[in-house]
Every structure is written in structure tokens, then in C-alpha cells.
Amino acid sequence: MGSLFRSESMCLAQLFLQAGTAYECLSALGERGLVQFRDLNQSVSSFQRKFVGEMKRCEELERILAYLVQEINKADIPLPEGETSPPAPPLKQVLEMQEQLQKLEVELREVTKNKEKLRKNLLELIEYTHMLRVTKTFVKRNVEFEPAYEEFSSLETESLIDYSCMQRLGAKLGFVSGLINQGKVEAFEKMLWRVCKGYTIVTYAELDEPLEDPETGEVIKWYVFLISFWGEQIGYKVKKICDCYHCHIYPYPNTAEERKEIQEGLNTRIQDLYTVLHKTEDYLRQVLCSAAETVYSRVIQVKKMKAIYHMLNMCSFDVTNKCLIAEVWCPEADLQELRRALEDGSRESGATIPSFMNTIPTKETPPTLIRTNKFTEGFQNIVDAYGVGSYREVNPALFTIITFPFLFAVMFGDFGHGFVMFLFALLLVLNENHPRLKQSQEILRMFFDGRYILLLMGLFSVYTGLIYNDCFSKSVNIFGSGWNVSAMYSSSHAAKEPKKLILWNNSVVRHNKVLQLDPSVPGVFQGPYPFGIDPIWNLATNRLTFLNSFKMKMSVILGIIHMTFGVTLGICNHLHFRKKFNIYLVSIPELLFMLCIFGYLIFMIIYKWLVYSAETSRVAPSILIEFINMFLFPASETVGLYPGQAPVQRLLLVITALSVPVLVLGKPLFLLWLHNGRGCFGVSRSGYTLVRKDSEEEVSLLGSQDIEEGSNHMEDRCREVTNEEFNFGEILMTQVIHSIEYCLGCISNTASYLRLWALSLAHAQLSDVLWAMLMRVGLRVDTTYGVLLLLPVMAFFAILTIFILLVMEGLSAFLHAIRLHWVEFQNKFYTGAGTKFVPFSFNLLSSKFNNDDLA
């Protein structure tokens, strides 16, 4: 898997790919995912690159496949997804595949077009039959007799003329029939009245069932209308209005025999169209089913082919245009695998001259590669969200695996809640290969990706819940309490002892609501609870005071240890990058500043825990007062925690005060001394010359092979070092800002760790309130109705526990744990200014059918 402590060593390699084998070689590299390509044609437009024609061909194939997938989904045909990913198609098969897909597209479009035309004709005929059926009841007069007519222009100016008058005038009576959308009926009728000035008679009837629109395919309600009008000019206006309102107009029969003949013809044509349409749909489904069997493999093959040509466009040609040159970043551990991939690609293409590679030196910063598995991936994503690590610096994810769930559990400590979270995560882990979980919605997918984080968070919460002795806000008495109540009674002691001790008797117990246990009384405190907090504290009225003191001190101790560990990891970075002066001038002063103040605070807390007992607890000094007096130098002598406390504290303050100027000025002055020492400061030792380059922090060794090239090369190298720009003011300002940020951050960050105490207290109190308001009420009901009431109360308690205490409180503790790692821990040693290694790998291509990706 590689090292999780530090990113892998990378090298820059140059690939020499023969023109005939480049496609096969990159196909082999894509299957293995070994290298990240560099773009050698950044100044060249994407439309002017060598393989732009092949890219257009791939885009055309993607368009055809997107159309096929769309038609297959429209026909409700399941799309099979293979378990194995097919390789990129050989060049010989690309043209054949393109021809097959184009032929299939033409055939599908033609069949689909014919199907839509048949369907539209069928819907129009069905509408016509409904129109004939409904309009049969509209007109009751005999329309066979039509008298001769003469057009009168005065009809246009008459406001209202009845039917008998028009018949006497000899005007022609015309009809327009059809269907109109239900929502347009009212506006349609108003428009006819205003334009035709009353020379029309409109009759409506609503169809019993909605019909599909032949144009849009939408199922809507229709109205059948019959418009009677007089005069050809009025008829022309009526037809124009019908067109404007998108009415479906059909011929109106003049006689009953004509109506019957049309109806019989329509029934015959409808039956024929049904038959032809069913056969067309069956044939179309057969074609789509045949295409669905291979569409998955073809989608993956086209994606791989497009990715290969995209990488080839990043390569440059040599002067002969017969060889492609590519530059790639590759892990040093994978160089042999890279050579084998090139050999396999050359062998597959049948080339006589194989492709090869060689490593080249570079001063560029390589990308960062940290190999992960399904367990470490979630923790690495937490670190990468802050910033991708710089090349070869210490990776915080290795320690985050333990510290992140532990700090979360400190804030979320409850045995019951942690166990529920652990079971949920364990269920996700055991079913991680289930396809429905991998294709779930965004929120569930987020839980699934962090299943191992949830697993450890739940497990650590169980541990801290046992330490706090909290299980759904109740304590569990596993080992028996270390406090004995009966020892407080005066009857259990000798006659002389009660005079010295404050003991209980029947009167004290009867008249006092609150009783106090005295650990100094013999037999009352029999020893500490074996694991965690004694369950008797759950009954104490000062339980919150005790737990606050305990959790606050614990938060400070954990925070200071966490930050000190971060500063220590910075030493590992300085040793790896050969910057030992940073250890002496930066890391050690930071550690002294941290330990002399806050490390001493931890010492006082632990010392007071160990030295003072129940008998001497009343005379124990306050740690807060002693810590404040450390900086105030009080005139009067205090009792102190231990003998000689004042000299020790003064020494620690002197060390702290001296570490600050060293932290501020040490590194800039040292770099200035290196820059101005001599023209090229060097110390010869056993064939090597140590050349100190003044590029702010770089210290490099000049190997013996450089010495053998002669003194002229040495002088040139010294001149190059001397002429490099050195800005002392910028270095000094940077270090001053870093020092101020660190010194103030030690105080603020230590206070920031008190969130461990605050969120733990909030979680415990919320859990206690939820128990008191629900479960306690349900358990106190009498036995008659208690069982009936307890079931819904328990269900409501479980729902609130999941949504409030597990989800909301868990999310709050999760975010606070992330903040403690990003701000308080990682800024002590982690730069996070690198670029992530993104290999050319076919595994990164989506294997799902996504029309957006194909379009």
C-alpha cells in the first residue's frame, strides 16, 4: 500500500512512444494507473493539436451512444452493466464500430420517425371518431337540401340576423367542427363573437375521457365544438381563429349516409394502424434489446479511447514526427511496472521498435501521492479537505486515524449512543459490497463513504462512555461502588471517634434533605472505582461540579499533549528536508515555550492529583491561583504545591522569555549569516564540499562528481548562489508573523480545547433532560396503563435519541473534532500546499450510464 506516514518518492520520466504503438502503450498505462502526464503543448490550442480528428470521432460516437441510451431508457429496457471493464478497442476495430453505430442510429431514427408518424395518424383518427360521435347530436335539421344563394355584402354590417331571416335571404350555411383544449374554450368563444359579430352559432360538448395530443403527446381534456356560420368571408375568419387557438379541425359530413360511411372507414383504418403500429413497436424493441446488450461495453470503450487521445494530445513529436515524447510523474516504486506496461503495449501492437522510458532530473516540485485503502481513505479525505500535503512532508492522516475518533468520543462520550453508532457503522461495513448502497442518494452515500470513521467513532464513544459511566444518561454499577454509606453512621464507630468526626444518626437523616459523605471518615471511601467514574456520583447533588472539574482538566491535558505532538512532528519534517537549523532555531524554542508554561500546568494538575488525598484536600492550594501567581510574582509568600516552587517557576519564565527572541530572530539572522559569510561558504571534507545556498531555507550537498568537473564549475556555481535574490526583510517579517501567531496561538488553542469539556457537558445534559422528560414519565405510570403508555414513550424516546443526540449532536462533535485537527494540530507542522497526484487511470472513469457525460 505504500507509506501513510509520508508521501511516496516521485520521479519525472520521459516516455519515447513510437507513432504506431502510442495508442496501445497508453491503453496499457491507463489500465494500470501508474503515471500522471504533463501537458507539453500548453501554448497550443485544443483545436490545433495532433489528434483533434480522433477526439471529434470519439465525441461523435459518444453522441450516438447517448442517443441509444436515451431510446433504450424510453423503451423501459434494462441496461446491463458488466462486472468487468472491457479494454480500449484496438485501432482496427474503431472504424468498424463507428460504422455499426452510425448504421444503427440511422435505422433507429427511421423506425422511430415512422412510429411517431403512425402514432400521430392513429390519434388523429381517434379524435375524428369522437368528434363524429358527439356532433351527431348537435344538428337535428335536414342538411341535404341547400338552396341556391347569393352573397350579400350587407351581411357584414348587420348586427344580428336570425336563422329564418338568413334562409330567406338565400345565404349559404357552413360548418366547422373539431376539438379544442379545455383551457382555451372561454377565450375562443369570446374571440369568435367579437370577430364574427354574431354571425356564428357555437355548440360545445366535453369528451368523457381525456385524449393524448398528437403533437405533444400530453394527455389533456378536450371539448368538441361545432360552429355554424353564414357566408364565405365569415367561414374564412372562423378557420383563421381556429388555427390561432391550435384547434384540431376535421371535415364535417353533410349527410347521415356520408357520416356513416366515414365512420366505417375510420374504424377500418384505425384497426389497420393498430396492427402496423404494434409490429413497428415490436421491431423497434428487438433492435433496442440487441443494442442494449453491447451498449455498456461500447460506452466504456469510447470513454477509454477518448481518454487515450486526450493524453496523446499532451505529448510532443520529435523532429522526425515518428516518435511521441511524453513527460510523466511516476512513483519510484512503480518504475519497473511502467517499463513492463510499455513493453506490453509495444508487443500488442506488433511493433519492431519498442517504446522505452528514462528518468530525467528536475527542480520542479512533484505531486503528492499517498496510497490509501477503503479503511484509510476516509481519514485521508479529512486531511485533504484542509489541503493536499506538500511533497514528502509528514502526513497527519496516519495519526488522525486514532486522534480524530478519540477527540470525537471525548465530546460524545456515552456508552449507549456510541454502541448504536457502532452497530449502524458495522451494518454498513458488513454490507459494503451491496450495489444499492454504492448507488444510494447523496446523504446516505456520505455515510457509506465514512463508514469506517463512524465505526471507530462509535467504538471510541463506547470506551469514553465507560470512562464517564454514562449509558443514556444513567450510570452502570458493574464493579460495585467504592463508597460505603453505612460507615457514616455513628453506631458503626467507637465511642471516641464520633467526637472528632461529623457522623450521621437517625435525627440527622430524618431532618436533612441533603447528606454529605466525608471520605476522611474511616470506611466511607474504600478505594477508587476500578474503571471510570464511580456510579455513586450519579446520585450526588454536586455531580455536575465534580464532572466539570474533571473534564475541564482532562481537556487541557489532552489539548496540550496533542499540540506538543504536532510540534514534534515538525522536527521529523526538518530532519527529512535537511533543515537542521529549523530544529534548533524554530522547533526547540516552540517546544520550550509550550512546555515551560502549559506543560508546567499539566505537571501541577497531575501533581495535585497524586500528592493530595481526602485528608489533606481541604488545605490543597488552587491550581488556578498558583498558575496566575507564576506570572504576577506576589510579594507575600504562598503555601505552594511543593517546596521550592517559586525558583522553579522563575526559571521556567526565564526560559520562556529567552525562547521568544530566538524564535523571532534566530532563523532570519542565521540565513543572513549564510548569505553574507563568504562568497560561497563551504567546508571541504573527504571529497565533498558543503555548499550552503541562500534560497531562504535550502541547504544542499554538492557531490564529488561536481568537484571533478574542475574549479571553473565551482566558481560558476558560487556565482550563481551569490547572485540569487535574498530578501532579508521578507524573511524577517514572515518569521515575526509566525512567532506571534504561534505564541498567541498556544494560549488560544489551549482554550480552544475546552470545547471537549463543553460539548461533553452539553451532550450529557441533553441526554439527561431527554430521559427525565420522557422515560421517567413513562416509567412512573401505574401498572394498569403503564405498559400501554410505555411503548409509544419508548418509540418517541428512540426517535428523539437518534435525530437529536446521534445525528445533531454527533454532527456537532464531528465538526468540532475537524476544527481541532485542522487549526490546533495541523498548523504546528503541516503546510498542505501540495498538488494531488492524479494518475492516468481508466478506473477514474465513470462506469455508469450518464447522458451528461456522453452528450
Foldseek 3Di string as FASTA:
>chain_A
DDDQFWFFDKFKKKWKFFPLLLLLLVLLCQAVQFWFFDFPPPVDDPCPFDCNVVLVLLLVLLVLLLVLVVVCVVVVHDFDFDPDADGADDPVCSVVVSVVSVVLSVVLVVLVVVLLVLVLVLLLLVQVLQLLVVCVPVDDDQLPDQDAADDDPCVQVDQEDDDVRVVVNRWGKDKWKFKAAPVCVVVLVVVLCVPSNHQKDKDKDWDPAWGANSVPRDTGTMIIMMIIGTDPVSVVVNVVSCVVRVTGIDDDDRHPVVSVVSNVVSVVVSVVSVVVSVVSVVVSVVSSVVCSVCSLNVVLNSVSSSLSVVSQSSWDADPVNRITMIMIMGRPVCPVVSQVSQVVSCVVSVDPDTMGMDTDDDPDFDFGDDDDDLQLPVLQVLQCVLFAFGHTATNCSVVCLPLLLLLLLLLQAAQALLVVLLVVLVVLVVCVVPVCQCVDDDVSVVCSSCSNVSNSNSVSSNQSNQQQQHHLLAHDQDPHFQFDLVLQAPVVDDPVPCVVDNGDDPVNVVPDPDDDQQVVRPPGGRDADPHHHGNVLSVHPCSVVVLLVVSLLVLLVVLLVLLLVLLVSQCVRCVVQVQVLCVVQASVLLNLLSCLQSVVLNVVVVLCVPPDDSVRPVVADDSVVVSVCLPVVDPDDDPDSDPPPNVSSVVSVVSNVVSLVSQQVVLLVVLVCCLPVDLWDWDDDDQWTFTQASPPRHTDTDHNVQPVVDVVSVVVVSNVRNPDDDDSVVSNVVSNVVSVCSSVCSVVLSVLSSVSSVSNVVLSVVSVVLCVVQVVVLVPDDPVCSVVRNVVSVVVSVVCCCVPSNPVSSVVSSVSSSCNCSPSRCVSRTDSHRHHGDTSYSVPDDSDDDSVVSD
